Protein backbone atom coordinates (compact mmCIF):
# COMPACT_ATOMS: atom_id res chain seq x y z
CA MET A 1 85.40 21.70 -74.51
CA ARG A 2 82.60 19.27 -75.29
CA ARG A 3 84.68 16.43 -73.86
CA ILE A 4 85.45 18.44 -70.74
CA TYR A 5 81.74 19.18 -70.34
CA ALA A 6 80.91 15.48 -70.65
CA ALA A 7 83.71 14.50 -68.27
CA ILE A 8 82.55 16.94 -65.60
CA ALA A 9 78.97 15.71 -65.94
CA TRP A 10 80.17 12.13 -65.45
CA ILE A 11 82.28 13.19 -62.44
CA ILE A 12 79.13 14.62 -60.85
CA ALA A 13 77.23 11.40 -61.56
CA GLY A 14 80.10 9.36 -60.10
CA GLY A 15 80.13 11.64 -57.06
CA VAL A 16 76.49 10.83 -56.40
CA VAL A 17 77.34 7.12 -56.48
CA VAL A 18 80.18 7.72 -54.00
CA GLN A 19 77.71 9.65 -51.83
CA ALA A 20 75.26 6.76 -51.73
CA ALA A 21 77.98 4.20 -51.06
CA SER A 22 79.67 6.20 -48.31
CA ILE A 23 76.47 6.95 -46.38
CA ALA A 24 75.37 3.31 -46.66
CA PHE A 25 78.78 2.25 -45.35
CA ALA A 26 78.52 4.70 -42.44
CA LEU A 27 74.98 3.74 -41.47
CA GLY A 28 75.79 0.04 -41.76
CA GLY A 29 78.73 0.61 -39.42
CA ILE A 30 76.51 2.43 -36.94
CA GLY A 31 74.04 -0.45 -37.00
CA ARG A 32 76.82 -2.93 -36.28
CA TYR A 33 78.31 -0.70 -33.56
CA VAL A 34 74.98 -0.43 -31.74
CA GLN A 35 74.25 -4.12 -32.22
CA ASP A 36 77.57 -4.93 -30.54
CA GLY A 37 76.60 -2.79 -27.52
CA GLY A 38 78.07 0.55 -28.53
CA VAL A 39 76.25 3.74 -27.62
CA ILE A 40 75.98 6.78 -29.82
CA ASP A 41 75.25 9.89 -27.83
CA LYS A 42 75.98 13.57 -27.98
CA ALA A 43 79.36 13.13 -26.28
CA LEU A 44 80.52 10.61 -28.91
CA VAL A 45 79.36 12.79 -31.79
CA GLU A 46 80.96 15.94 -30.39
CA SER A 47 84.23 14.16 -29.59
CA ARG A 48 84.61 13.17 -33.25
CA GLN A 49 86.39 10.08 -31.93
CA ALA A 50 84.02 7.45 -33.31
CA THR A 51 85.95 4.26 -33.94
CA PHE A 52 83.42 1.90 -35.47
CA ILE A 53 83.61 0.26 -38.86
CA GLY A 54 82.08 2.68 -41.32
CA ASP A 55 82.84 5.91 -39.45
CA LEU A 56 84.92 7.04 -42.42
CA GLY A 57 81.74 7.11 -44.53
CA PHE A 58 80.51 10.32 -42.86
CA PRO A 59 83.48 12.55 -43.77
CA ILE A 60 83.60 11.08 -47.28
CA HIS A 61 79.90 11.89 -47.68
CA GLY A 62 80.49 15.40 -46.36
CA ILE A 63 83.54 16.20 -48.49
CA VAL A 64 82.19 14.79 -51.75
CA GLY A 65 78.73 16.32 -51.21
CA GLY A 66 79.86 19.60 -49.72
CA VAL A 67 82.92 20.35 -51.84
CA VAL A 68 83.57 18.06 -54.83
CA ILE A 69 80.10 17.90 -56.40
CA PRO A 70 79.28 21.61 -55.89
CA LEU A 71 82.60 22.70 -57.42
CA ALA A 72 82.08 20.31 -60.33
CA ALA A 73 78.54 21.65 -60.85
CA VAL A 74 79.84 25.24 -60.99
CA ALA A 75 82.60 24.14 -63.38
CA LEU A 76 80.01 22.40 -65.57
CA LEU A 77 78.02 25.62 -65.88
CA ILE A 78 81.13 27.65 -66.69
CA VAL A 79 82.27 25.15 -69.32
CA ALA A 80 78.74 25.09 -70.78
CA PHE A 81 79.24 28.66 -71.96
CA PHE A 82 82.27 27.63 -74.03
CA VAL A 83 81.29 24.17 -75.23
CA LYS A 84 80.77 23.69 -78.92
CA ALA A 85 79.95 20.62 -80.96
CA ASP A 86 81.45 20.68 -84.44
CA GLY A 87 81.75 24.44 -84.54
CA ALA A 88 78.19 25.04 -83.32
CA ARG A 89 77.00 25.45 -79.78
CA LEU A 90 75.89 22.26 -78.06
CA ARG A 91 72.17 22.92 -77.71
CA GLY A 92 70.90 22.75 -74.17
CA ALA A 93 74.35 22.60 -72.58
CA ARG A 94 73.76 25.71 -70.48
CA LEU A 95 70.23 24.67 -69.55
CA TRP A 96 71.24 21.21 -68.34
CA ALA A 97 74.30 22.55 -66.52
CA ALA A 98 72.05 25.09 -64.76
CA VAL A 99 69.55 22.36 -63.84
CA VAL A 100 72.37 20.25 -62.39
CA LEU A 101 73.68 23.21 -60.41
CA ALA A 102 70.19 24.07 -59.09
CA LEU A 103 69.60 20.48 -57.99
CA VAL A 104 73.02 20.37 -56.31
CA ALA A 105 72.23 23.62 -54.47
CA LEU A 106 68.92 22.14 -53.33
CA GLN A 107 70.73 18.96 -52.27
CA ILE A 108 73.18 20.90 -50.11
CA THR A 109 70.36 22.88 -48.51
CA LEU A 110 68.44 19.69 -47.76
CA GLY A 111 71.55 17.97 -46.41
CA TYR A 112 72.29 20.71 -43.91
CA SER A 113 68.61 20.95 -42.90
CA ILE A 114 68.12 17.25 -42.12
CA VAL A 115 69.19 17.62 -38.48
CA ASP A 116 66.47 20.20 -37.84
CA MET A 117 63.83 18.47 -39.97
CA PRO A 118 64.63 14.75 -40.39
CA TYR A 119 61.78 14.19 -42.87
CA LEU A 120 63.75 16.25 -45.38
CA GLY A 121 65.97 13.18 -45.64
CA LEU A 122 63.29 11.66 -47.85
CA VAL A 123 63.53 14.55 -50.28
CA HIS A 124 67.34 14.56 -49.96
CA GLY A 125 67.50 10.95 -51.13
CA ALA A 126 65.07 11.48 -53.99
CA ASN A 127 66.86 14.66 -55.09
CA ALA A 128 70.14 12.73 -55.18
CA LEU A 129 68.60 10.56 -57.87
CA ALA A 130 67.54 13.70 -59.75
CA VAL A 131 71.13 15.01 -59.60
CA LEU A 132 72.41 11.67 -60.86
CA LEU A 133 69.94 11.48 -63.74
CA THR A 134 70.42 15.07 -64.92
CA ALA A 135 74.22 14.75 -64.79
CA VAL A 136 74.08 11.49 -66.78
CA TYR A 137 71.69 13.08 -69.28
CA ALA A 138 73.97 16.11 -69.72
CA GLY A 139 76.97 13.83 -70.27
CA MET A 140 75.11 11.64 -72.74
CA ARG A 141 73.81 14.63 -74.72
CA ALA A 142 77.37 15.86 -75.21
CA ARG A 143 78.51 12.41 -76.33
CA ARG A 144 75.54 11.97 -78.69
CA SER A 145 76.18 15.38 -80.19
CA ALA A 146 79.76 14.41 -81.00
CA ALA A 147 78.68 11.07 -82.51
CA ALA A 148 75.99 12.74 -84.62
CA GLY A 149 78.46 15.35 -85.82
CA ALA A 150 81.01 12.71 -86.82
CA GLU A 151 78.34 10.70 -88.63
CA GLU A 152 77.16 13.79 -90.48
CA ARG A 153 80.72 14.69 -91.52
CA ALA A 154 81.32 11.13 -92.74
CA SER A 155 78.12 11.03 -94.80
CA HIS A 156 78.90 14.48 -96.20
CA ALA A 157 82.41 13.34 -97.19
CA ILE A 158 80.99 10.26 -98.94
CA ALA A 159 78.46 12.38 -100.85
CA THR A 160 81.13 14.70 -102.26
């Protein structure tokens, strides 16, 4: 279960990277589209018929951020209740999984509120980094715990 916990944490971290890449791709495409004379207005947005380079970045950002990462964060918390390192509970697994889930919930709330309050985009971007860092930390703690346990078993075997 420890490996599953670590894998899910790394999936969340990877999802944040996909999020950043996809929104950068989309906004770069919008910049190019406008620079070439294209117009983005309410009719284009509502038609969902945008055909500029990078328009695929928006649905990728939405699906990964609205479905994949939240489901992975819930799975991380569930797995945290069952994860053990060398027969003992992995200390802090539940805490860090809960922190990741809370930050993901905040991220979703900020993401859906940006249209009404664009300045929340600043917090949305900064919180994305917090999600990334906590997911990486949770994954690394699980890996370190396994390495420490293996080292302890090896030194114990040598001593006997």
